[in-house]
Amino acid sequence: MMACEFCVGTFFKEKLGRCQQCMGINLFLLLGGLAIYLSFNISTWLAVQQVTLILFIWVTGLLMMMHLMAWCFYYFKKT
């Protein structure tokens, strides 16, 4: 089981912007991908590995943006 009641839900949209644990994991993955991209010379990697890393960073960044937009929506909706 996950730590919060939002992670128990089956719908993806229920978790966006509400689950701090999911947002933390996503931020960790995004920063880890960016650290790998900035630390290593990926031009020596195979093309498949380069594309995979760039897509991973792009997708985790997109998910983080969705989390932040949903969090802002719920935050300002309460006030």
N, C-alpha and C. Protein backbone atom coordinates (compact mmCIF):
# COMPACT_ATOMS: atom_id res chain seq x y z
N MET A 1 0.84 -1.19 0.00
CA MET A 1 0.00 0.00 0.00
C MET A 1 0.88 1.25 0.00
N MET A 2 0.36 2.26 -0.65
CA MET A 2 1.05 3.54 -0.66
C MET A 2 0.75 4.29 0.63
N ALA A 3 1.39 5.42 0.80
CA ALA A 3 1.31 6.16 2.06
C ALA A 3 0.06 7.03 2.19
N CYS A 4 -0.54 7.45 1.09
CA CYS A 4 -1.65 8.40 1.22
C CYS A 4 -2.91 7.86 0.55
N GLU A 5 -4.04 8.49 0.85
CA GLU A 5 -5.33 8.02 0.32
C GLU A 5 -5.47 8.27 -1.17
N PHE A 6 -4.74 9.22 -1.73
CA PHE A 6 -4.84 9.51 -3.16
C PHE A 6 -4.17 8.42 -4.00
N CYS A 7 -3.15 7.78 -3.46
CA CYS A 7 -2.46 6.72 -4.20
C CYS A 7 -3.27 5.44 -4.27
N VAL A 8 -4.23 5.29 -3.39
CA VAL A 8 -5.07 4.10 -3.40
C VAL A 8 -6.05 4.16 -4.57
N GLY A 9 -6.40 5.37 -5.02
CA GLY A 9 -7.34 5.54 -6.13
C GLY A 9 -6.80 4.95 -7.42
N THR A 10 -7.71 4.53 -8.26
CA THR A 10 -7.30 3.89 -9.49
C THR A 10 -7.14 4.88 -10.63
N PHE A 11 -7.67 6.06 -10.49
CA PHE A 11 -7.61 7.03 -11.57
C PHE A 11 -6.38 7.91 -11.46
N PHE A 12 -5.72 8.09 -12.58
CA PHE A 12 -4.51 8.89 -12.63
C PHE A 12 -4.79 10.34 -12.24
N LYS A 13 -5.94 10.87 -12.68
CA LYS A 13 -6.24 12.27 -12.41
C LYS A 13 -6.49 12.54 -10.94
N GLU A 14 -6.81 11.52 -10.15
CA GLU A 14 -6.99 11.71 -8.72
C GLU A 14 -5.67 11.97 -8.01
N LYS A 15 -4.58 11.50 -8.58
CA LYS A 15 -3.27 11.63 -7.94
C LYS A 15 -2.57 12.94 -8.31
N LEU A 16 -2.86 13.47 -9.47
CA LEU A 16 -2.13 14.65 -9.94
C LEU A 16 -2.30 15.82 -8.99
N GLY A 17 -1.19 16.34 -8.51
CA GLY A 17 -1.19 17.52 -7.68
C GLY A 17 -1.61 17.31 -6.25
N ARG A 18 -1.99 16.09 -5.89
CA ARG A 18 -2.47 15.83 -4.54
C ARG A 18 -1.52 14.97 -3.73
N CYS A 19 -0.86 14.04 -4.36
CA CYS A 19 -0.01 13.08 -3.65
C CYS A 19 1.42 13.62 -3.56
N GLN A 20 1.82 13.99 -2.36
CA GLN A 20 3.17 14.53 -2.16
C GLN A 20 4.24 13.47 -2.41
N GLN A 21 3.95 12.22 -2.10
CA GLN A 21 4.91 11.15 -2.32
C GLN A 21 5.16 10.95 -3.82
N CYS A 22 4.10 10.94 -4.61
CA CYS A 22 4.25 10.78 -6.06
C CYS A 22 5.00 11.96 -6.67
N MET A 23 4.71 13.16 -6.18
CA MET A 23 5.40 14.34 -6.69
C MET A 23 6.88 14.31 -6.32
N GLY A 24 7.19 13.83 -5.12
CA GLY A 24 8.60 13.73 -4.70
C GLY A 24 9.37 12.71 -5.52
N ILE A 25 8.74 11.56 -5.77
CA ILE A 25 9.39 10.53 -6.59
C ILE A 25 9.62 11.04 -8.00
N ASN A 26 8.63 11.74 -8.55
CA ASN A 26 8.76 12.27 -9.90
C ASN A 26 9.87 13.32 -9.96
N LEU A 27 9.95 14.18 -8.96
CA LEU A 27 11.01 15.19 -8.92
C LEU A 27 12.38 14.53 -8.82
N PHE A 28 12.49 13.48 -8.00
CA PHE A 28 13.74 12.74 -7.86
C PHE A 28 14.16 12.12 -9.20
N LEU A 29 13.22 11.51 -9.91
CA LEU A 29 13.52 10.92 -11.21
C LEU A 29 13.94 11.97 -12.23
N LEU A 30 13.25 13.12 -12.23
CA LEU A 30 13.59 14.20 -13.15
C LEU A 30 14.98 14.74 -12.88
N LEU A 31 15.29 15.01 -11.62
CA LEU A 31 16.62 15.53 -11.28
C LEU A 31 17.71 14.50 -11.54
N GLY A 32 17.41 13.22 -11.30
CA GLY A 32 18.38 12.17 -11.59
C GLY A 32 18.67 12.07 -13.08
N GLY A 33 17.63 12.14 -13.91
CA GLY A 33 17.82 12.11 -15.35
C GLY A 33 18.61 13.31 -15.85
N LEU A 34 18.30 14.47 -15.30
CA LEU A 34 19.05 15.67 -15.69
C LEU A 34 20.50 15.60 -15.23
N ALA A 35 20.74 15.03 -14.05
CA ALA A 35 22.12 14.88 -13.57
C ALA A 35 22.92 13.95 -14.48
N ILE A 36 22.30 12.87 -14.92
CA ILE A 36 22.99 11.96 -15.84
C ILE A 36 23.27 12.66 -17.16
N TYR A 37 22.29 13.41 -17.66
CA TYR A 37 22.45 14.10 -18.94
C TYR A 37 23.58 15.14 -18.86
N LEU A 38 23.66 15.85 -17.74
CA LEU A 38 24.67 16.90 -17.62
C LEU A 38 26.04 16.36 -17.20
N SER A 39 26.09 15.20 -16.56
CA SER A 39 27.36 14.67 -16.04
C SER A 39 28.13 13.82 -17.04
N PHE A 40 27.42 13.13 -17.90
CA PHE A 40 28.08 12.20 -18.80
C PHE A 40 28.09 12.73 -20.23
N ASN A 41 29.06 12.28 -20.98
CA ASN A 41 29.15 12.61 -22.40
C ASN A 41 28.31 11.60 -23.16
N ILE A 42 27.05 11.96 -23.42
CA ILE A 42 26.15 10.99 -24.03
C ILE A 42 26.39 10.83 -25.54
N SER A 43 27.26 11.64 -26.10
CA SER A 43 27.54 11.49 -27.53
C SER A 43 28.29 10.19 -27.81
N THR A 44 28.90 9.60 -26.78
CA THR A 44 29.59 8.33 -26.97
C THR A 44 28.64 7.15 -26.81
N TRP A 45 27.43 7.38 -26.36
CA TRP A 45 26.44 6.32 -26.17
C TRP A 45 25.82 5.93 -27.50
N LEU A 46 25.17 4.77 -27.53
CA LEU A 46 24.40 4.37 -28.71
C LEU A 46 23.22 5.31 -28.89
N ALA A 47 22.74 5.43 -30.11
CA ALA A 47 21.63 6.33 -30.40
C ALA A 47 20.38 5.96 -29.60
N VAL A 48 20.15 4.67 -29.42
CA VAL A 48 18.98 4.22 -28.66
C VAL A 48 19.08 4.69 -27.22
N GLN A 49 20.26 4.63 -26.63
CA GLN A 49 20.45 5.08 -25.26
C GLN A 49 20.26 6.59 -25.14
N GLN A 50 20.75 7.33 -26.11
CA GLN A 50 20.58 8.79 -26.10
C GLN A 50 19.11 9.17 -26.18
N VAL A 51 18.39 8.55 -27.10
CA VAL A 51 16.97 8.85 -27.27
C VAL A 51 16.18 8.45 -26.03
N THR A 52 16.53 7.31 -25.44
CA THR A 52 15.84 6.86 -24.23
C THR A 52 16.02 7.84 -23.09
N LEU A 53 17.23 8.32 -22.89
CA LEU A 53 17.47 9.28 -21.81
C LEU A 53 16.74 10.59 -22.07
N ILE A 54 16.78 11.08 -23.29
CA ILE A 54 16.10 12.34 -23.61
C ILE A 54 14.59 12.20 -23.47
N LEU A 55 14.03 11.09 -23.92
CA LEU A 55 12.59 10.86 -23.75
C LEU A 55 12.22 10.71 -22.28
N PHE A 56 13.07 10.05 -21.49
CA PHE A 56 12.82 9.90 -20.07
C PHE A 56 12.76 11.27 -19.39
N ILE A 57 13.71 12.14 -19.71
CA ILE A 57 13.72 13.48 -19.12
C ILE A 57 12.50 14.26 -19.58
N TRP A 58 12.15 14.15 -20.85
CA TRP A 58 11.00 14.89 -21.38
C TRP A 58 9.70 14.43 -20.72
N VAL A 59 9.52 13.13 -20.59
CA VAL A 59 8.28 12.60 -20.02
C VAL A 59 8.18 12.91 -18.54
N THR A 60 9.26 12.76 -17.79
CA THR A 60 9.20 13.08 -16.37
C THR A 60 9.01 14.58 -16.16
N GLY A 61 9.58 15.40 -17.04
CA GLY A 61 9.35 16.84 -16.96
C GLY A 61 7.90 17.20 -17.26
N LEU A 62 7.32 16.54 -18.25
CA LEU A 62 5.91 16.78 -18.58
C LEU A 62 5.01 16.36 -17.42
N LEU A 63 5.29 15.22 -16.82
CA LEU A 63 4.51 14.77 -15.68
C LEU A 63 4.65 15.72 -14.50
N MET A 64 5.86 16.26 -14.29
CA MET A 64 6.06 17.22 -13.21
C MET A 64 5.28 18.50 -13.47
N MET A 65 5.25 18.94 -14.72
CA MET A 65 4.46 20.13 -15.07
C MET A 65 2.98 19.89 -14.81
N MET A 66 2.49 18.70 -15.16
CA MET A 66 1.09 18.38 -14.92
C MET A 66 0.80 18.36 -13.42
N HIS A 67 1.72 17.80 -12.63
CA HIS A 67 1.56 17.80 -11.18
C HIS A 67 1.50 19.23 -10.64
N LEU A 68 2.39 20.08 -11.11
CA LEU A 68 2.43 21.46 -10.62
C LEU A 68 1.20 22.25 -11.03
N MET A 69 0.72 22.06 -12.25
CA MET A 69 -0.49 22.76 -12.68
C MET A 69 -1.69 22.30 -11.86
N ALA A 70 -1.81 20.99 -11.61
CA ALA A 70 -2.92 20.48 -10.81
C ALA A 70 -2.81 20.97 -9.37
N TRP A 71 -1.60 20.99 -8.82
CA TRP A 71 -1.41 21.46 -7.46
C TRP A 71 -1.83 22.92 -7.34
N CYS A 72 -1.42 23.75 -8.31
CA CYS A 72 -1.82 25.16 -8.30
C CYS A 72 -3.34 25.30 -8.40
N PHE A 73 -3.96 24.50 -9.24
CA PHE A 73 -5.41 24.54 -9.37
C PHE A 73 -6.09 24.23 -8.05
N TYR A 74 -5.67 23.14 -7.39
CA TYR A 74 -6.30 22.77 -6.13
C TYR A 74 -5.97 23.78 -5.02
N TYR A 75 -4.77 24.33 -5.04
CA TYR A 75 -4.37 25.30 -4.01
C TYR A 75 -5.21 26.58 -4.12
N PHE A 76 -5.36 27.09 -5.33
CA PHE A 76 -6.10 28.35 -5.49
C PHE A 76 -7.61 28.11 -5.47
N LYS A 77 -8.07 26.92 -5.72
CA LYS A 77 -9.48 26.60 -5.65
C LYS A 77 -9.98 26.61 -4.21
N LYS A 78 -9.10 26.22 -3.28
CA LYS A 78 -9.49 26.21 -1.87
C LYS A 78 -9.67 27.61 -1.31
N THR A 79 -8.88 28.57 -1.80
CA THR A 79 -8.91 29.92 -1.24
C THR A 79 -9.91 30.81 -1.92
